[in-house]
């Protein structure tokens, strides 16, 4: 199902249960998903943030299983449903925590939105504006551009060195453990189609 932000109402419930739709609340959930916490702790933090109640209580009130409620929360956090384009997973070019000041600055520069307005807007509205932030005219866009830029075949050794230095200056910190890095490396190897 495609969702149109211009014609369809923004959701205020998940599985019929009232949800805190503020960007600050959804970002707390997204950040919890990226922390090295047990899945049970992540779920508890998300349910408390979104509903103010444990997941089991909310699921029971909604008449769904806890897993179905988790799936519905995941769909809500992904934003308005759209048809999938065949795009693959690219280079991670931002982090909500590491880039928080740049993101706030970009919203202020591009949209004139204050921190209070940003934190209190509906999560799906935030996502729509976030996805449409331009790469030009703000520091956040410029940093994302550097993080994803690839050297051109025509670049000189000096230009390649400058790009490499710029990438290192704005690189995201890798917070994975050694075991997580090893697993990701092995997964990448396993994904190679020979």
C-alpha atoms as a PDB file:
ATOM      1  CA  UNK A   1       0.000   0.000   0.000  1.00  0.00           C
ATOM      2  CA  UNK A   2       1.361   3.411  -0.936  1.00  0.00           C
ATOM      3  CA  UNK A   3       0.860   6.201   1.535  1.00  0.00           C
ATOM      4  CA  UNK A   4       0.538   9.838   0.510  1.00  0.00           C
ATOM      5  CA  UNK A   5       1.620  12.326   3.142  1.00  0.00           C
ATOM      6  CA  UNK A   6      -0.393  15.028   1.394  1.00  0.00           C
ATOM      7  CA  UNK A   7      -3.735  13.211   1.422  1.00  0.00           C
ATOM      8  CA  UNK A   8      -3.592  10.469   4.064  1.00  0.00           C
ATOM      9  CA  UNK A   9      -3.749  11.219   7.775  1.00  0.00           C
ATOM     10  CA  UNK A  10      -0.602  10.684   9.797  1.00  0.00           C
ATOM     11  CA  UNK A  11      -1.021   7.684  12.090  1.00  0.00           C
ATOM     12  CA  UNK A  12      -1.576   8.275  15.791  1.00  0.00           C
ATOM     13  CA  UNK A  13      -1.926   4.612  16.712  1.00  0.00           C
ATOM     14  CA  UNK A  14      -0.080   1.352  16.180  1.00  0.00           C
ATOM     15  CA  UNK A  15      -2.423  -1.651  15.986  1.00  0.00           C
ATOM     16  CA  UNK A  16      -5.161   0.618  17.370  1.00  0.00           C
ATOM     17  CA  UNK A  17      -3.170   1.693  20.443  1.00  0.00           C
ATOM     18  CA  UNK A  18      -2.329   5.413  20.863  1.00  0.00           C
ATOM     19  CA  UNK A  19       1.352   6.064  20.221  1.00  0.00           C
ATOM     20  CA  UNK A  20       3.619   8.989  21.077  1.00  0.00           C
ATOM     21  CA  UNK A  21       4.266  10.249  17.530  1.00  0.00           C
ATOM     22  CA  UNK A  22       6.941  12.827  18.389  1.00  0.00           C
ATOM     23  CA  UNK A  23      10.237  12.679  16.525  1.00  0.00           C
ATOM     24  CA  UNK A  24      12.161  12.717  19.810  1.00  0.00           C
ATOM     25  CA  UNK A  25      10.350   9.551  20.918  1.00  0.00           C
ATOM     26  CA  UNK A  26      10.871   7.684  17.639  1.00  0.00           C
ATOM     27  CA  UNK A  27      14.539   8.712  17.550  1.00  0.00           C
ATOM     28  CA  UNK A  28      14.975   7.310  21.067  1.00  0.00           C
ATOM     29  CA  UNK A  29      13.655   3.999  19.681  1.00  0.00           C
ATOM     30  CA  UNK A  30      15.934   4.102  16.633  1.00  0.00           C
ATOM     31  CA  UNK A  31      18.923   4.870  18.847  1.00  0.00           C
ATOM     32  CA  UNK A  32      17.975   2.012  21.214  1.00  0.00           C
ATOM     33  CA  UNK A  33      17.961  -0.358  18.222  1.00  0.00           C
ATOM     34  CA  UNK A  34      21.542   0.674  17.415  1.00  0.00           C
ATOM     35  CA  UNK A  35      22.835   0.261  20.974  1.00  0.00           C
ATOM     36  CA  UNK A  36      24.464  -2.919  22.173  1.00  0.00           C
ATOM     37  CA  UNK A  37      21.496  -3.936  24.294  1.00  0.00           C
ATOM     38  CA  UNK A  38      19.686  -7.224  24.512  1.00  0.00           C
ATOM     39  CA  UNK A  39      16.667  -7.522  22.268  1.00  0.00           C
ATOM     40  CA  UNK A  40      14.418  -7.695  25.353  1.00  0.00           C
ATOM     41  CA  UNK A  41      15.883  -4.425  26.660  1.00  0.00           C
ATOM     42  CA  UNK A  42      15.453  -2.751  23.271  1.00  0.00           C
ATOM     43  CA  UNK A  43      11.815  -3.871  23.093  1.00  0.00           C
ATOM     44  CA  UNK A  44      11.160  -2.676  26.668  1.00  0.00           C
ATOM     45  CA  UNK A  45      12.687   0.733  25.934  1.00  0.00           C
ATOM     46  CA  UNK A  46      10.672   1.111  22.713  1.00  0.00           C
ATOM     47  CA  UNK A  47       7.358   0.046  24.274  1.00  0.00           C
ATOM     48  CA  UNK A  48       7.891   2.360  27.243  1.00  0.00           C
ATOM     49  CA  UNK A  49       8.787   5.274  24.950  1.00  0.00           C
ATOM     50  CA  UNK A  50       6.022   4.786  22.377  1.00  0.00           C
ATOM     51  CA  UNK A  51       3.189   3.596  24.629  1.00  0.00           C
ATOM     52  CA  UNK A  52       4.252   4.145  28.248  1.00  0.00           C
ATOM     53  CA  UNK A  53       3.464   0.482  28.888  1.00  0.00           C
ATOM     54  CA  UNK A  54       5.163  -2.917  28.524  1.00  0.00           C
ATOM     55  CA  UNK A  55       4.903  -4.563  25.103  1.00  0.00           C
ATOM     56  CA  UNK A  56       2.915  -7.539  26.434  1.00  0.00           C
ATOM     57  CA  UNK A  57       0.241  -5.216  27.882  1.00  0.00           C
ATOM     58  CA  UNK A  58       0.004  -3.199  24.665  1.00  0.00           C
ATOM     59  CA  UNK A  59      -0.123  -6.320  22.479  1.00  0.00           C
ATOM     60  CA  UNK A  60      -2.874  -7.820  24.636  1.00  0.00           C
ATOM     61  CA  UNK A  61      -4.903  -4.578  24.463  1.00  0.00           C
ATOM     62  CA  UNK A  62      -4.484  -4.580  20.678  1.00  0.00           C
ATOM     63  CA  UNK A  63      -5.443  -8.247  20.379  1.00  0.00           C
ATOM     64  CA  UNK A  64      -2.171  -9.211  18.667  1.00  0.00           C
ATOM     65  CA  UNK A  65       0.863 -11.237  19.633  1.00  0.00           C
ATOM     66  CA  UNK A  66       3.925  -9.466  21.040  1.00  0.00           C
ATOM     67  CA  UNK A  67       5.781 -10.376  17.820  1.00  0.00           C
ATOM     68  CA  UNK A  68       3.037  -8.835  15.668  1.00  0.00           C
ATOM     69  CA  UNK A  69       3.230  -5.682  17.794  1.00  0.00           C
ATOM     70  CA  UNK A  70       7.044  -5.617  17.369  1.00  0.00           C
ATOM     71  CA  UNK A  71       6.574  -5.936  13.603  1.00  0.00           C
ATOM     72  CA  UNK A  72       4.027  -3.090  13.630  1.00  0.00           C
ATOM     73  CA  UNK A  73       6.442  -0.898  15.637  1.00  0.00           C
ATOM     74  CA  UNK A  74       9.170  -1.638  13.092  1.00  0.00           C
ATOM     75  CA  UNK A  75       6.864  -0.660  10.225  1.00  0.00           C
ATOM     76  CA  UNK A  76       5.916   2.554  12.025  1.00  0.00           C
ATOM     77  CA  UNK A  77       9.575   3.471  12.609  1.00  0.00           C
ATOM     78  CA  UNK A  78      10.358   2.895   8.901  1.00  0.00           C
ATOM     79  CA  UNK A  79       7.875   5.617   7.986  1.00  0.00           C
ATOM     80  CA  UNK A  80       5.155   5.978   5.392  1.00  0.00           C
ATOM     81  CA  UNK A  81       4.831   2.838   3.251  1.00  0.00           C
ATOM     82  CA  UNK A  82       6.012   3.336  -0.319  1.00  0.00           C
ATOM     83  CA  UNK A  83       6.652   0.988  -3.191  1.00  0.00           C
ATOM     84  CA  UNK A  84      10.137  -0.405  -2.877  1.00  0.00           C
ATOM     85  CA  UNK A  85      12.644   0.711  -5.450  1.00  0.00           C
ATOM     86  CA  UNK A  86      15.243  -1.898  -6.227  1.00  0.00           C
ATOM     87  CA  UNK A  87      17.937   0.097  -4.391  1.00  0.00           C
ATOM     88  CA  UNK A  88      20.488  -1.841  -2.443  1.00  0.00           C
ATOM     89  CA  UNK A  89      22.190  -1.101   0.817  1.00  0.00           C
ATOM     90  CA  UNK A  90      24.704   1.679   0.331  1.00  0.00           C
ATOM     91  CA  UNK A  91      27.400   3.274   2.431  1.00  0.00           C
ATOM     92  CA  UNK A  92      26.120   4.504   5.789  1.00  0.00           C
ATOM     93  CA  UNK A  93      26.380   8.253   5.389  1.00  0.00           C
ATOM     94  CA  UNK A  94      24.841   9.507   8.642  1.00  0.00           C
ATOM     95  CA  UNK A  95      24.204   8.633  12.251  1.00  0.00           C
ATOM     96  CA  UNK A  96      21.485  10.372  14.258  1.00  0.00           C
ATOM     97  CA  UNK A  97      23.694  10.566  17.362  1.00  0.00           C
ATOM     98  CA  UNK A  98      27.054  11.404  15.788  1.00  0.00           C
ATOM     99  CA  UNK A  99      25.477  13.918  13.384  1.00  0.00           C
ATOM    100  CA  UNK A 100      22.894  15.417  15.736  1.00  0.00           C
ATOM    101  CA  UNK A 101      24.275  18.965  15.581  1.00  0.00           C
ATOM    102  CA  UNK A 102      24.623  18.846  11.794  1.00  0.00           C
ATOM    103  CA  UNK A 103      21.072  17.535  11.400  1.00  0.00           C
ATOM    104  CA  UNK A 104      19.651  20.220  13.677  1.00  0.00           C
ATOM    105  CA  UNK A 105      21.631  22.875  11.815  1.00  0.00           C
ATOM    106  CA  UNK A 106      20.415  21.579   8.431  1.00  0.00           C
ATOM    107  CA  UNK A 107      16.773  21.663   9.556  1.00  0.00           C
ATOM    108  CA  UNK A 108      17.272  25.212  10.800  1.00  0.00           C
ATOM    109  CA  UNK A 109      19.038  26.337   7.582  1.00  0.00           C
ATOM    110  CA  UNK A 110      16.844  24.566   5.054  1.00  0.00           C
ATOM    111  CA  UNK A 111      13.410  24.635   6.704  1.00  0.00           C
ATOM    112  CA  UNK A 112      13.736  27.259   9.455  1.00  0.00           C
ATOM    113  CA  UNK A 113      12.647  24.661  12.025  1.00  0.00           C
ATOM    114  CA  UNK A 114      13.704  25.032  15.670  1.00  0.00           C
ATOM    115  CA  UNK A 115      14.874  22.186  17.893  1.00  0.00           C
ATOM    116  CA  UNK A 116      11.608  22.255  19.830  1.00  0.00           C
ATOM    117  CA  UNK A 117       9.537  22.101  16.627  1.00  0.00           C
ATOM    118  CA  UNK A 118      11.791  19.365  15.257  1.00  0.00           C
ATOM    119  CA  UNK A 119      11.503  17.192  18.369  1.00  0.00           C
ATOM    120  CA  UNK A 120       7.729  17.615  18.582  1.00  0.00           C
ATOM    121  CA  UNK A 121       6.792  17.071  14.922  1.00  0.00           C
ATOM    122  CA  UNK A 122       5.259  13.773  13.827  1.00  0.00           C
ATOM    123  CA  UNK A 123       7.939  11.145  13.124  1.00  0.00           C
ATOM    124  CA  UNK A 124       6.738  10.546   9.557  1.00  0.00           C
ATOM    125  CA  UNK A 125       6.828  14.270   8.805  1.00  0.00           C
ATOM    126  CA  UNK A 126      10.389  14.401  10.143  1.00  0.00           C
ATOM    127  CA  UNK A 127      11.388  11.433   7.964  1.00  0.00           C
ATOM    128  CA  UNK A 128       9.931  13.062   4.851  1.00  0.00           C
ATOM    129  CA  UNK A 129      11.809  16.297   5.497  1.00  0.00           C
ATOM    130  CA  UNK A 130      14.986  14.408   6.445  1.00  0.00           C
ATOM    131  CA  UNK A 131      14.958  12.365   3.223  1.00  0.00           C
ATOM    132  CA  UNK A 132      14.624  15.567   1.203  1.00  0.00           C
ATOM    133  CA  UNK A 133      17.437  17.528   2.838  1.00  0.00           C
ATOM    134  CA  UNK A 134      19.645  18.815   0.030  1.00  0.00           C
ATOM    135  CA  UNK A 135      23.325  17.904  -0.153  1.00  0.00           C
ATOM    136  CA  UNK A 136      24.207  21.541  -0.946  1.00  0.00           C
ATOM    137  CA  UNK A 137      23.835  24.550   1.284  1.00  0.00           C
ATOM    138  CA  UNK A 138      24.278  22.876   4.661  1.00  0.00           C
ATOM    139  CA  UNK A 139      27.076  21.179   6.582  1.00  0.00           C
ATOM    140  CA  UNK A 140      25.158  17.935   7.064  1.00  0.00           C
ATOM    141  CA  UNK A 141      24.666  17.511   3.317  1.00  0.00           C
ATOM    142  CA  UNK A 142      28.286  18.382   2.621  1.00  0.00           C
ATOM    143  CA  UNK A 143      29.496  15.784   5.146  1.00  0.00           C
ATOM    144  CA  UNK A 144      27.193  13.118   3.702  1.00  0.00           C
ATOM    145  CA  UNK A 145      28.512  13.966   0.234  1.00  0.00           C
ATOM    146  CA  UNK A 146      32.123  13.517   1.373  1.00  0.00           C
ATOM    147  CA  UNK A 147      31.312  10.225   3.126  1.00  0.00           C
ATOM    148  CA  UNK A 148      29.796   8.742  -0.045  1.00  0.00           C
ATOM    149  CA  UNK A 149      32.005  10.335  -2.688  1.00  0.00           C
ATOM    150  CA  UNK A 150      34.152   8.004  -4.765  1.00  0.00           C
ATOM    151  CA  UNK A 151      37.291   9.164  -6.545  1.00  0.00           C
ATOM    152  CA  UNK A 152      36.925   9.760 -10.267  1.00  0.00           C
ATOM    153  CA  UNK A 153      39.146   7.827 -12.661  1.00  0.00           C
ATOM    154  CA  UNK A 154      40.558  11.170 -13.819  1.00  0.00           C
ATOM    155  CA  UNK A 155      41.539  12.273 -10.274  1.00  0.00           C
ATOM    156  CA  UNK A 156      45.223  12.797  -9.656  1.00  0.00           C
ATOM    157  CA  UNK A 157      47.037  11.108  -6.790  1.00  0.00           C
ATOM    158  CA  UNK A 158      46.896  14.427  -4.931  1.00  0.00           C
ATOM    159  CA  UNK A 159      43.112  14.708  -5.411  1.00  0.00           C
ATOM    160  CA  UNK A 160      42.653  11.123  -4.210  1.00  0.00           C
ATOM    161  CA  UNK A 161      44.783  11.855  -1.135  1.00  0.00           C
ATOM    162  CA  UNK A 162      42.722  14.996  -0.397  1.00  0.00           C
ATOM    163  CA  UNK A 163      39.483  13.016  -0.671  1.00  0.00           C
ATOM    164  CA  UNK A 164      40.863  10.300   1.593  1.00  0.00           C
ATOM    165  CA  UNK A 165      41.899  12.908   4.168  1.00  0.00           C
ATOM    166  CA  UNK A 166      38.468  14.577   3.989  1.00  0.00           C
ATOM    167  CA  UNK A 167      36.719  11.199   4.424  1.00  0.00           C
ATOM    168  CA  UNK A 168      38.805  10.433   7.512  1.00  0.00           C
ATOM    169  CA  UNK A 169      38.000  13.849   8.979  1.00  0.00           C
ATOM    170  CA  UNK A 170      34.224  13.247   8.811  1.00  0.00           C
ATOM    171  CA  UNK A 171      34.109   9.444   9.119  1.00  0.00           C
ATOM    172  CA  UNK A 172      31.528   7.886  11.386  1.00  0.00           C
ATOM    173  CA  UNK A 173      32.968   6.139  14.420  1.00  0.00           C
ATOM    174  CA  UNK A 174      32.698   2.373  14.147  1.00  0.00           C
ATOM    175  CA  UNK A 175      31.184   1.303  17.466  1.00  0.00           C
ATOM    176  CA  UNK A 176      31.035  -2.401  16.640  1.00  0.00           C
ATOM    177  CA  UNK A 177      32.845  -4.908  18.835  1.00  0.00           C
ATOM    178  CA  UNK A 178      35.653  -7.041  17.387  1.00  0.00           C
ATOM    179  CA  UNK A 179      33.254  -9.979  17.194  1.00  0.00           C
ATOM    180  CA  UNK A 180      30.661  -7.892  15.320  1.00  0.00           C
ATOM    181  CA  UNK A 181      33.322  -6.676  12.883  1.00  0.00           C
ATOM    182  CA  UNK A 182      34.517 -10.241  12.285  1.00  0.00           C
ATOM    183  CA  UNK A 183      30.941 -11.455  11.716  1.00  0.00           C
ATOM    184  CA  UNK A 184      30.214  -8.602   9.292  1.00  0.00           C
ATOM    185  CA  UNK A 185      33.434  -9.367   7.411  1.00  0.00           C
ATOM    186  CA  UNK A 186      32.522 -13.046   7.189  1.00  0.00           C
ATOM    187  CA  UNK A 187      28.990 -12.167   6.025  1.00  0.00           C
ATOM    188  CA  UNK A 188      30.491  -9.935   3.303  1.00  0.00           C
ATOM    189  CA  UNK A 189      32.727 -12.777   2.167  1.00  0.00           C
ATOM    190  CA  UNK A 190      29.805 -15.193   2.137  1.00  0.00           C
ATOM    191  CA  UNK A 191      27.791 -12.736   0.017  1.00  0.00           C
ATOM    192  CA  UNK A 192      30.347 -12.771  -2.793  1.00  0.00           C
ATOM    193  CA  UNK A 193      28.852 -14.662  -5.712  1.00  0.00           C
ATOM    194  CA  UNK A 194      31.592 -16.648  -7.393  1.00  0.00           C
END
